[in-house]
PDB file of all heavy atoms in Angstrom:
ATOM      1  N   TRP A   1       0.815  -1.187   0.017  1.00  0.00           N
ATOM      2  CA  TRP A   1      -0.008  -0.007   0.000  1.00  0.00           C
ATOM      3  C   TRP A   1       0.842   1.251  -0.003  1.00  0.00           C
ATOM      4  O   TRP A   1       1.956   1.275   0.595  1.00  0.00           O
ATOM      5  CB  TRP A   1      -0.883   0.014   1.255  1.00  0.00           C
ATOM      6  CG  TRP A   1      -2.088  -0.833   1.218  1.00  0.00           C
ATOM      7  CD1 TRP A   1      -2.309  -1.859   0.362  1.00  0.00           C
ATOM      8  CD2 TRP A   1      -3.191  -0.771   2.120  1.00  0.00           C
ATOM      9  NE1 TRP A   1      -3.543  -2.484   0.678  1.00  0.00           N
ATOM     10  CE2 TRP A   1      -4.063  -1.834   1.761  1.00  0.00           C
ATOM     11  CE3 TRP A   1      -3.525   0.029   3.175  1.00  0.00           C
ATOM     12  CZ2 TRP A   1      -5.271  -2.037   2.437  1.00  0.00           C
ATOM     13  CZ3 TRP A   1      -4.728  -0.179   3.895  1.00  0.00           C
ATOM     14  CH2 TRP A   1      -5.572  -1.200   3.495  1.00  0.00           C
ATOM     15  N   SER A   2       0.384   2.301  -0.619  1.00  0.00           N
ATOM     16  CA  SER A   2       0.946   3.632  -0.487  1.00  0.00           C
ATOM     17  C   SER A   2       0.367   4.294   0.707  1.00  0.00           C
ATOM     18  O   SER A   2      -0.648   3.872   1.266  1.00  0.00           O
ATOM     19  CB  SER A   2       0.727   4.445  -1.742  1.00  0.00           C
ATOM     20  OG  SER A   2      -0.698   4.672  -1.871  1.00  0.00           O
ATOM     21  N   PHE A   3       0.994   5.423   1.159  1.00  0.00           N
ATOM     22  CA  PHE A   3       0.358   6.246   2.195  1.00  0.00           C
ATOM     23  C   PHE A   3      -1.033   6.686   1.802  1.00  0.00           C
ATOM     24  O   PHE A   3      -1.941   6.733   2.580  1.00  0.00           O
ATOM     25  CB  PHE A   3       1.263   7.459   2.532  1.00  0.00           C
ATOM     26  CG  PHE A   3       0.537   8.508   3.335  1.00  0.00           C
ATOM     27  CD1 PHE A   3       0.102   8.207   4.634  1.00  0.00           C
ATOM     28  CD2 PHE A   3       0.214   9.710   2.745  1.00  0.00           C
ATOM     29  CE1 PHE A   3      -0.540   9.219   5.367  1.00  0.00           C
ATOM     30  CE2 PHE A   3      -0.493  10.671   3.480  1.00  0.00           C
ATOM     31  CZ  PHE A   3      -0.858  10.443   4.796  1.00  0.00           C
ATOM     32  N   ALA A   4      -1.192   7.040   0.506  1.00  0.00           N
ATOM     33  CA  ALA A   4      -2.497   7.544   0.063  1.00  0.00           C
ATOM     34  C   ALA A   4      -3.551   6.411   0.214  1.00  0.00           C
ATOM     35  O   ALA A   4      -4.692   6.739   0.634  1.00  0.00           O
ATOM     36  CB  ALA A   4      -2.401   7.940  -1.391  1.00  0.00           C
ATOM     37  N   GLN A   5      -3.193   5.171  -0.001  1.00  0.00           N
ATOM     38  CA  GLN A   5      -4.148   4.108   0.223  1.00  0.00           C
ATOM     39  C   GLN A   5      -4.481   3.922   1.712  1.00  0.00           C
ATOM     40  O   GLN A   5      -5.604   3.712   2.066  1.00  0.00           O
ATOM     41  CB  GLN A   5      -3.565   2.791  -0.340  1.00  0.00           C
ATOM     42  CG  GLN A   5      -3.599   2.704  -1.837  1.00  0.00           C
ATOM     43  CD  GLN A   5      -2.857   1.452  -2.348  1.00  0.00           C
ATOM     44  OE1 GLN A   5      -1.645   1.372  -2.358  1.00  0.00           O
ATOM     45  NE2 GLN A   5      -3.642   0.478  -2.784  1.00  0.00           N
ATOM     46  N   ALA A   6      -3.442   4.029   2.534  1.00  0.00           N
ATOM     47  CA  ALA A   6      -3.626   3.899   3.977  1.00  0.00           C
ATOM     48  C   ALA A   6      -4.536   5.018   4.458  1.00  0.00           C
ATOM     49  O   ALA A   6      -5.413   4.798   5.321  1.00  0.00           O
ATOM     50  CB  ALA A   6      -2.302   3.903   4.719  1.00  0.00           C
ATOM     51  N   ARG A   7      -4.283   6.223   3.992  1.00  0.00           N
ATOM     52  CA  ARG A   7      -5.081   7.374   4.396  1.00  0.00           C
ATOM     53  C   ARG A   7      -6.572   7.176   3.962  1.00  0.00           C
ATOM     54  O   ARG A   7      -7.498   7.443   4.735  1.00  0.00           O
ATOM     55  CB  ARG A   7      -4.545   8.625   3.784  1.00  0.00           C
ATOM     56  CG  ARG A   7      -5.329   9.873   4.137  1.00  0.00           C
ATOM     57  CD  ARG A   7      -4.599  11.136   3.670  1.00  0.00           C
ATOM     58  NE  ARG A   7      -5.230  12.336   4.223  1.00  0.00           N
ATOM     59  CZ  ARG A   7      -4.617  13.470   4.379  1.00  0.00           C
ATOM     60  NH1 ARG A   7      -3.380  13.627   4.001  1.00  0.00           N
ATOM     61  NH2 ARG A   7      -5.249  14.534   4.922  1.00  0.00           N
ATOM     62  N   ALA A   8      -6.769   6.705   2.751  1.00  0.00           N
ATOM     63  CA  ALA A   8      -8.104   6.510   2.257  1.00  0.00           C
ATOM     64  C   ALA A   8      -8.843   5.422   3.119  1.00  0.00           C
ATOM     65  O   ALA A   8     -10.036   5.512   3.358  1.00  0.00           O
ATOM     66  CB  ALA A   8      -8.061   6.106   0.799  1.00  0.00           C
ATOM     67  N   PHE A   9      -8.072   4.403   3.498  1.00  0.00           N
ATOM     68  CA  PHE A   9      -8.637   3.316   4.339  1.00  0.00           C
ATOM     69  C   PHE A   9      -9.115   3.913   5.662  1.00  0.00           C
ATOM     70  O   PHE A   9     -10.263   3.604   6.100  1.00  0.00           O
ATOM     71  CB  PHE A   9      -7.570   2.258   4.557  1.00  0.00           C
ATOM     72  CG  PHE A   9      -7.994   1.182   5.558  1.00  0.00           C
ATOM     73  CD1 PHE A   9      -8.699   0.085   5.066  1.00  0.00           C
ATOM     74  CD2 PHE A   9      -7.648   1.268   6.905  1.00  0.00           C
ATOM     75  CE1 PHE A   9      -9.072  -0.932   6.010  1.00  0.00           C
ATOM     76  CE2 PHE A   9      -8.037   0.280   7.791  1.00  0.00           C
ATOM     77  CZ  PHE A   9      -8.763  -0.821   7.320  1.00  0.00           C
ATOM     78  N   VAL A  10      -8.300   4.701   6.326  1.00  0.00           N
ATOM     79  CA  VAL A  10      -8.675   5.289   7.597  1.00  0.00           C
ATOM     80  C   VAL A  10      -9.863   6.248   7.445  1.00  0.00           C
ATOM     81  O   VAL A  10     -10.850   6.128   8.195  1.00  0.00           O
ATOM     82  CB  VAL A  10      -7.479   6.082   8.212  1.00  0.00           C
ATOM     83  CG1 VAL A  10      -7.926   6.891   9.428  1.00  0.00           C
ATOM     84  CG2 VAL A  10      -6.352   5.116   8.588  1.00  0.00           C
ATOM     85  N   ASP A  11      -9.834   7.139   6.462  1.00  0.00           N
ATOM     86  CA  ASP A  11     -10.902   8.069   6.258  1.00  0.00           C
ATOM     87  C   ASP A  11     -12.192   7.368   6.003  1.00  0.00           C
ATOM     88  O   ASP A  11     -13.264   7.726   6.594  1.00  0.00           O
ATOM     89  CB  ASP A  11     -10.601   9.005   5.067  1.00  0.00           C
ATOM     90  CG  ASP A  11      -9.547  10.062   5.360  1.00  0.00           C
ATOM     91  OD1 ASP A  11      -9.351  10.353   6.588  1.00  0.00           O
ATOM     92  OD2 ASP A  11      -8.939  10.534   4.451  1.00  0.00           O
ATOM     93  N   SER A  12     -12.205   6.317   5.182  1.00  0.00           N
ATOM     94  CA  SER A  12     -13.421   5.576   4.869  1.00  0.00           C
ATOM     95  C   SER A  12     -13.948   4.869   6.077  1.00  0.00           C
ATOM     96  O   SER A  12     -15.172   4.855   6.315  1.00  0.00           O
ATOM     97  CB  SER A  12     -13.155   4.615   3.727  1.00  0.00           C
ATOM     98  OG  SER A  12     -14.284   3.829   3.448  1.00  0.00           O
ATOM     99  N   LEU A  13     -13.062   4.252   6.834  1.00  0.00           N
ATOM    100  CA  LEU A  13     -13.519   3.462   7.984  1.00  0.00           C
ATOM    101  C   LEU A  13     -14.087   4.394   9.060  1.00  0.00           C
ATOM    102  O   LEU A  13     -15.106   4.047   9.711  1.00  0.00           O
ATOM    103  CB  LEU A  13     -12.367   2.622   8.524  1.00  0.00           C
ATOM    104  CG  LEU A  13     -12.745   1.569   9.604  1.00  0.00           C
ATOM    105  CD1 LEU A  13     -13.745   0.587   9.018  1.00  0.00           C
ATOM    106  CD2 LEU A  13     -11.502   0.856  10.093  1.00  0.00           C
ATOM    107  N   VAL A  14     -13.442   5.537   9.310  1.00  0.00           N
ATOM    108  CA  VAL A  14     -13.936   6.462  10.295  1.00  0.00           C
ATOM    109  C   VAL A  14     -15.338   6.947   9.897  1.00  0.00           C
ATOM    110  O   VAL A  14     -16.283   7.012  10.748  1.00  0.00           O
ATOM    111  CB  VAL A  14     -12.995   7.690  10.436  1.00  0.00           C
ATOM    112  CG1 VAL A  14     -13.652   8.805  11.194  1.00  0.00           C
ATOM    113  CG2 VAL A  14     -11.754   7.238  11.141  1.00  0.00           C
ATOM    114  N   GLN A  15     -15.540   7.249   8.643  1.00  0.00           N
ATOM    115  CA  GLN A  15     -16.871   7.644   8.145  1.00  0.00           C
ATOM    116  C   GLN A  15     -17.911   6.539   8.325  1.00  0.00           C
ATOM    117  O   GLN A  15     -19.065   6.798   8.767  1.00  0.00           O
ATOM    118  CB  GLN A  15     -16.791   8.060   6.677  1.00  0.00           C
ATOM    119  CG  GLN A  15     -15.987   9.346   6.447  1.00  0.00           C
ATOM    120  CD  GLN A  15     -15.824   9.607   4.962  1.00  0.00           C
ATOM    121  OE1 GLN A  15     -16.494   8.994   4.118  1.00  0.00           O
ATOM    122  NE2 GLN A  15     -14.908  10.493   4.585  1.00  0.00           N
ATOM    123  N   GLU A  16     -17.489   5.301   8.035  1.00  0.00           N
ATOM    124  CA  GLU A  16     -18.425   4.169   8.141  1.00  0.00           C
ATOM    125  C   GLU A  16     -18.851   3.974   9.588  1.00  0.00           C
ATOM    126  O   GLU A  16     -20.043   3.809   9.874  1.00  0.00           O
ATOM    127  CB  GLU A  16     -17.697   2.904   7.605  1.00  0.00           C
ATOM    128  CG  GLU A  16     -18.509   1.627   7.791  1.00  0.00           C
ATOM    129  CD  GLU A  16     -17.669   0.438   7.358  1.00  0.00           C
ATOM    130  OE1 GLU A  16     -17.005   0.470   6.318  1.00  0.00           O
ATOM    131  OE2 GLU A  16     -17.701  -0.559   8.142  1.00  0.00           O
ATOM    132  N   VAL A  17     -17.868   3.929  10.506  1.00  0.00           N
ATOM    133  CA  VAL A  17     -18.210   3.706  11.900  1.00  0.00           C
ATOM    134  C   VAL A  17     -19.000   4.866  12.482  1.00  0.00           C
ATOM    135  O   VAL A  17     -19.926   4.711  13.295  1.00  0.00           O
ATOM    136  CB  VAL A  17     -16.937   3.428  12.715  1.00  0.00           C
ATOM    137  CG1 VAL A  17     -17.206   3.280  14.193  1.00  0.00           C
ATOM    138  CG2 VAL A  17     -16.225   2.179  12.196  1.00  0.00           C
ATOM    139  N   ALA A  18     -18.660   6.084  12.094  1.00  0.00           N
ATOM    140  CA  ALA A  18     -19.391   7.281  12.601  1.00  0.00           C
ATOM    141  C   ALA A  18     -20.850   7.265  12.188  1.00  0.00           C
ATOM    142  O   ALA A  18     -21.742   7.649  12.962  1.00  0.00           O
ATOM    143  CB  ALA A  18     -18.694   8.563  12.128  1.00  0.00           C
ATOM    144  N   ALA A  19     -21.114   6.776  10.966  1.00  0.00           N
ATOM    145  CA  ALA A  19     -22.474   6.743  10.463  1.00  0.00           C
ATOM    146  C   ALA A  19     -23.388   5.825  11.266  1.00  0.00           C
ATOM    147  O   ALA A  19     -24.624   5.950  11.184  1.00  0.00           O
ATOM    148  CB  ALA A  19     -22.456   6.276   9.015  1.00  0.00           C
ATOM    149  N   GLU A  20     -22.818   4.937  12.086  1.00  0.00           N
ATOM    150  CA  GLU A  20     -23.589   4.015  12.891  1.00  0.00           C
ATOM    151  C   GLU A  20     -24.021   4.629  14.204  1.00  0.00           C
ATOM    152  O   GLU A  20     -24.831   4.014  14.942  1.00  0.00           O
ATOM    153  CB  GLU A  20     -22.797   2.764  13.133  1.00  0.00           C
ATOM    154  CG  GLU A  20     -22.446   2.009  11.875  1.00  0.00           C
ATOM    155  CD  GLU A  20     -21.406   0.910  12.047  1.00  0.00           C
ATOM    156  OE1 GLU A  20     -20.899   0.752  13.222  1.00  0.00           O
ATOM    157  OE2 GLU A  20     -21.032   0.270  11.096  1.00  0.00           O
ATOM    158  N   ASP A  21     -23.548   5.777  14.528  1.00  0.00           N
ATOM    159  CA  ASP A  21     -23.888   6.499  15.786  1.00  0.00           C
ATOM    160  C   ASP A  21     -24.735   7.679  15.467  1.00  0.00           C
ATOM    161  O   ASP A  21     -24.358   8.516  14.599  1.00  0.00           O
ATOM    162  CB  ASP A  21     -22.590   6.936  16.489  1.00  0.00           C
ATOM    163  CG  ASP A  21     -22.889   7.659  17.787  1.00  0.00           C
ATOM    164  OD1 ASP A  21     -23.191   8.853  17.748  1.00  0.00           O
ATOM    165  OD2 ASP A  21     -22.721   7.025  18.887  1.00  0.00           O
ATOM    166  N   PRO A  22     -25.941   7.830  16.088  1.00  0.00           N
ATOM    167  CA  PRO A  22     -26.833   8.956  15.705  1.00  0.00           C
ATOM    168  C   PRO A  22     -26.175  10.314  15.823  1.00  0.00           C
ATOM    169  O   PRO A  22     -26.407  11.200  15.003  1.00  0.00           O
ATOM    170  CB  PRO A  22     -27.980   8.787  16.727  1.00  0.00           C
ATOM    171  CG  PRO A  22     -27.968   7.349  17.090  1.00  0.00           C
ATOM    172  CD  PRO A  22     -26.542   6.942  17.078  1.00  0.00           C
ATOM    173  N   TRP A  23     -25.346  10.537  16.878  1.00  0.00           N
ATOM    174  CA  TRP A  23     -24.703  11.833  17.062  1.00  0.00           C
ATOM    175  C   TRP A  23     -23.580  12.013  16.081  1.00  0.00           C
ATOM    176  O   TRP A  23     -23.512  13.080  15.378  1.00  0.00           O
ATOM    177  CB  TRP A  23     -24.228  11.988  18.465  1.00  0.00           C
ATOM    178  CG  TRP A  23     -23.395  13.243  18.665  1.00  0.00           C
ATOM    179  CD1 TRP A  23     -22.035  13.290  18.834  1.00  0.00           C
ATOM    180  CD2 TRP A  23     -23.841  14.603  18.649  1.00  0.00           C
ATOM    181  NE1 TRP A  23     -21.631  14.602  18.930  1.00  0.00           N
ATOM    182  CE2 TRP A  23     -22.741  15.416  18.834  1.00  0.00           C
ATOM    183  CE3 TRP A  23     -25.094  15.168  18.514  1.00  0.00           C
ATOM    184  CZ2 TRP A  23     -22.783  16.786  18.844  1.00  0.00           C
ATOM    185  CZ3 TRP A  23     -25.166  16.587  18.528  1.00  0.00           C
ATOM    186  CH2 TRP A  23     -24.025  17.353  18.716  1.00  0.00           C
ATOM    187  N   LEU A  24     -22.716  11.032  15.921  1.00  0.00           N
ATOM    188  CA  LEU A  24     -21.567  11.182  15.055  1.00  0.00           C
ATOM    189  C   LEU A  24     -21.976  11.231  13.570  1.00  0.00           C
ATOM    190  O   LEU A  24     -21.262  11.754  12.725  1.00  0.00           O
ATOM    191  CB  LEU A  24     -20.578  10.003  15.252  1.00  0.00           C
ATOM    192  CG  LEU A  24     -19.906  10.012  16.653  1.00  0.00           C
ATOM    193  CD1 LEU A  24     -18.933   8.837  16.775  1.00  0.00           C
ATOM    194  CD2 LEU A  24     -19.152  11.333  16.902  1.00  0.00           C
ATOM    195  N   ALA A  25     -23.106  10.670  13.263  1.00  0.00           N
ATOM    196  CA  ALA A  25     -23.617  10.739  11.903  1.00  0.00           C
ATOM    197  C   ALA A  25     -23.865  12.170  11.448  1.00  0.00           C
ATOM    198  O   ALA A  25     -23.688  12.502  10.287  1.00  0.00           O
ATOM    199  CB  ALA A  25     -24.905   9.901  11.746  1.00  0.00           C
ATOM    200  N   ILE A  26     -24.241  13.019  12.391  1.00  0.00           N
ATOM    201  CA  ILE A  26     -24.509  14.440  12.037  1.00  0.00           C
ATOM    202  C   ILE A  26     -23.368  15.329  12.510  1.00  0.00           C
ATOM    203  O   ILE A  26     -23.289  16.508  12.113  1.00  0.00           O
ATOM    204  CB  ILE A  26     -25.850  14.914  12.656  1.00  0.00           C
ATOM    205  CG1 ILE A  26     -25.842  14.774  14.167  1.00  0.00           C
ATOM    206  CG2 ILE A  26     -27.020  14.166  12.058  1.00  0.00           C
ATOM    207  CD1 ILE A  26     -27.057  15.435  14.838  1.00  0.00           C
ATOM    208  N   THR A  27     -22.504  14.850  13.378  1.00  0.00           N
ATOM    209  CA  THR A  27     -21.308  15.559  13.861  1.00  0.00           C
ATOM    210  C   THR A  27     -20.092  14.687  13.691  1.00  0.00           C
ATOM    211  O   THR A  27     -19.546  14.149  14.672  1.00  0.00           O
ATOM    212  CB  THR A  27     -21.493  16.003  15.332  1.00  0.00           C
ATOM    213  OG1 THR A  27     -22.785  16.534  15.516  1.00  0.00           O
ATOM    214  CG2 THR A  27     -20.383  16.995  15.724  1.00  0.00           C
ATOM    215  N   PRO A  28     -19.657  14.420  12.465  1.00  0.00           N
ATOM    216  CA  PRO A  28     -18.623  13.416  12.224  1.00  0.00           C
ATOM    217  C   PRO A  28     -17.293  13.843  12.831  1.00  0.00           C
ATOM    218  O   PRO A  28     -16.934  14.985  12.916  1.00  0.00           O
ATOM    219  CB  PRO A  28     -18.522  13.324  10.706  1.00  0.00           C
ATOM    220  CG  PRO A  28     -19.056  14.662  10.248  1.00  0.00           C
ATOM    221  CD  PRO A  28     -20.123  15.057  11.218  1.00  0.00           C
ATOM    222  N   PRO A  29     -16.480  12.820  13.258  1.00  0.00           N
ATOM    223  CA  PRO A  29     -15.149  13.073  13.744  1.00  0.00           C
ATOM    224  C   PRO A  29     -14.234  13.720  12.661  1.00  0.00           C
ATOM    225  O   PRO A  29     -14.471  13.539  11.465  1.00  0.00           O
ATOM    226  CB  PRO A  29     -14.599  11.717  14.139  1.00  0.00           C
ATOM    227  CG  PRO A  29     -15.835  10.866  14.263  1.00  0.00           C
ATOM    228  CD  PRO A  29     -16.803  11.393  13.300  1.00  0.00           C
ATOM    229  N   THR A  30     -13.229  14.434  13.157  1.00  0.00           N
ATOM    230  CA  THR A  30     -12.257  15.046  12.247  1.00  0.00           C
ATOM    231  C   THR A  30     -10.955  14.220  12.338  1.00  0.00           C
ATOM    232  O   THR A  30     -10.479  13.904  13.423  1.00  0.00           O
ATOM    233  CB  THR A  30     -11.933  16.475  12.662  1.00  0.00           C
ATOM    234  OG1 THR A  30     -13.156  17.253  12.573  1.00  0.00           O
ATOM    235  CG2 THR A  30     -10.935  17.108  11.744  1.00  0.00           C
ATOM    236  N   VAL A  31     -10.403  13.853  11.188  1.00  0.00           N
ATOM    237  CA  VAL A  31      -9.174  13.049  11.141  1.00  0.00           C
ATOM    238  C   VAL A  31      -8.046  13.906  10.609  1.00  0.00           C
ATOM    239  O   VAL A  31      -8.200  14.623   9.646  1.00  0.00           O
ATOM    240  CB  VAL A  31      -9.346  11.801  10.253  1.00  0.00           C
ATOM    241  CG1 VAL A  31      -8.103  10.934  10.291  1.00  0.00           C
ATOM    242  CG2 VAL A  31     -10.580  11.012  10.705  1.00  0.00           C
ATOM    243  N   ARG A  32      -6.911  13.849  11.282  1.00  0.00           N
ATOM    244  CA  ARG A  32      -5.691  14.556  10.847  1.00  0.00           C
ATOM    245  C   ARG A  32      -4.513  13.607  10.861  1.00  0.00           C
ATOM    246  O   ARG A  32      -4.355  12.825  11.794  1.00  0.00           O
ATOM    247  CB  ARG A  32      -5.411  15.727  11.786  1.00  0.00           C
ATOM    248  CG  ARG A  32      -4.239  16.609  11.361  1.00  0.00           C
ATOM    249  CD  ARG A  32      -3.992  17.744  12.340  1.00  0.00           C
ATOM    250  NE  ARG A  32      -3.540  17.222  13.635  1.00  0.00           N
ATOM    251  CZ  ARG A  32      -2.260  16.931  13.928  1.00  0.00           C
ATOM    252  NH1 ARG A  32      -1.304  17.117  13.012  1.00  0.00           N
ATOM    253  NH2 ARG A  32      -1.923  16.454  15.113  1.00  0.00           N
ATOM    254  N   PHE A  33      -3.661  13.693   9.822  1.00  0.00           N
ATOM    255  CA  PHE A  33      -2.529  12.811   9.704  1.00  0.00           C
ATOM    256  C   PHE A  33      -1.227  13.588   9.981  1.00  0.00           C
ATOM    257  O   PHE A  33      -0.929  14.537   9.225  1.00  0.00           O
ATOM    258  CB  PHE A  33      -2.484  12.175   8.307  1.00  0.00           C
ATOM    259  CG  PHE A  33      -3.608  11.205   8.083  1.00  0.00           C
ATOM    260  CD1 PHE A  33      -4.875  11.687   7.700  1.00  0.00           C
ATOM    261  CD2 PHE A  33      -3.404   9.868   8.231  1.00  0.00           C
ATOM    262  CE1 PHE A  33      -5.882  10.832   7.435  1.00  0.00           C
ATOM    263  CE2 PHE A  33      -4.472   8.989   7.991  1.00  0.00           C
ATOM    264  CZ  PHE A  33      -5.714   9.453   7.611  1.00  0.00           C
ATOM    265  N   GLY A  34      -0.511  13.234  11.011  1.00  0.00           N
ATOM    266  CA  GLY A  34       0.794  13.873  11.323  1.00  0.00           C
ATOM    267  C   GLY A  34       1.720  12.791  11.836  1.00  0.00           C
ATOM    268  O   GLY A  34       1.317  11.790  12.423  1.00  0.00           O
ATOM    269  N   GLY A  35       3.025  12.982  11.638  1.00  0.00           N
ATOM    270  CA  GLY A  35       3.984  11.961  12.012  1.00  0.00           C
ATOM    271  C   GLY A  35       4.098  10.896  10.950  1.00  0.00           C
ATOM    272  O   GLY A  35       3.986  11.143   9.759  1.00  0.00           O
ATOM    273  N   PHE A  36       4.337   9.631  11.355  1.00  0.00           N
ATOM    274  CA  PHE A  36       4.631   8.565  10.444  1.00  0.00           C
ATOM    275  C   PHE A  36       3.625   8.518   9.251  1.00  0.00           C
ATOM    276  O   PHE A  36       2.392   8.554   9.424  1.00  0.00           O
ATOM    277  CB  PHE A  36       4.538   7.192  11.161  1.00  0.00           C
ATOM    278  CG  PHE A  36       5.760   6.804  11.863  1.00  0.00           C
ATOM    279  CD1 PHE A  36       5.645   6.364  13.176  1.00  0.00           C
ATOM    280  CD2 PHE A  36       6.997   6.835  11.269  1.00  0.00           C
ATOM    281  CE1 PHE A  36       6.808   5.951  13.863  1.00  0.00           C
ATOM    282  CE2 PHE A  36       8.145   6.439  11.949  1.00  0.00           C
ATOM    283  CZ  PHE A  36       8.042   5.992  13.252  1.00  0.00           C
TER     284      PHE A  36
END
């Protein structure tokens, strides 16, 4: 995988899991990539 693929994996999974929570579905978490 490239970093771009890893980033897309994280972003997609965070969105998927957030959509299962009534609050997070309308107030989604913010993801930031720093370091490794």
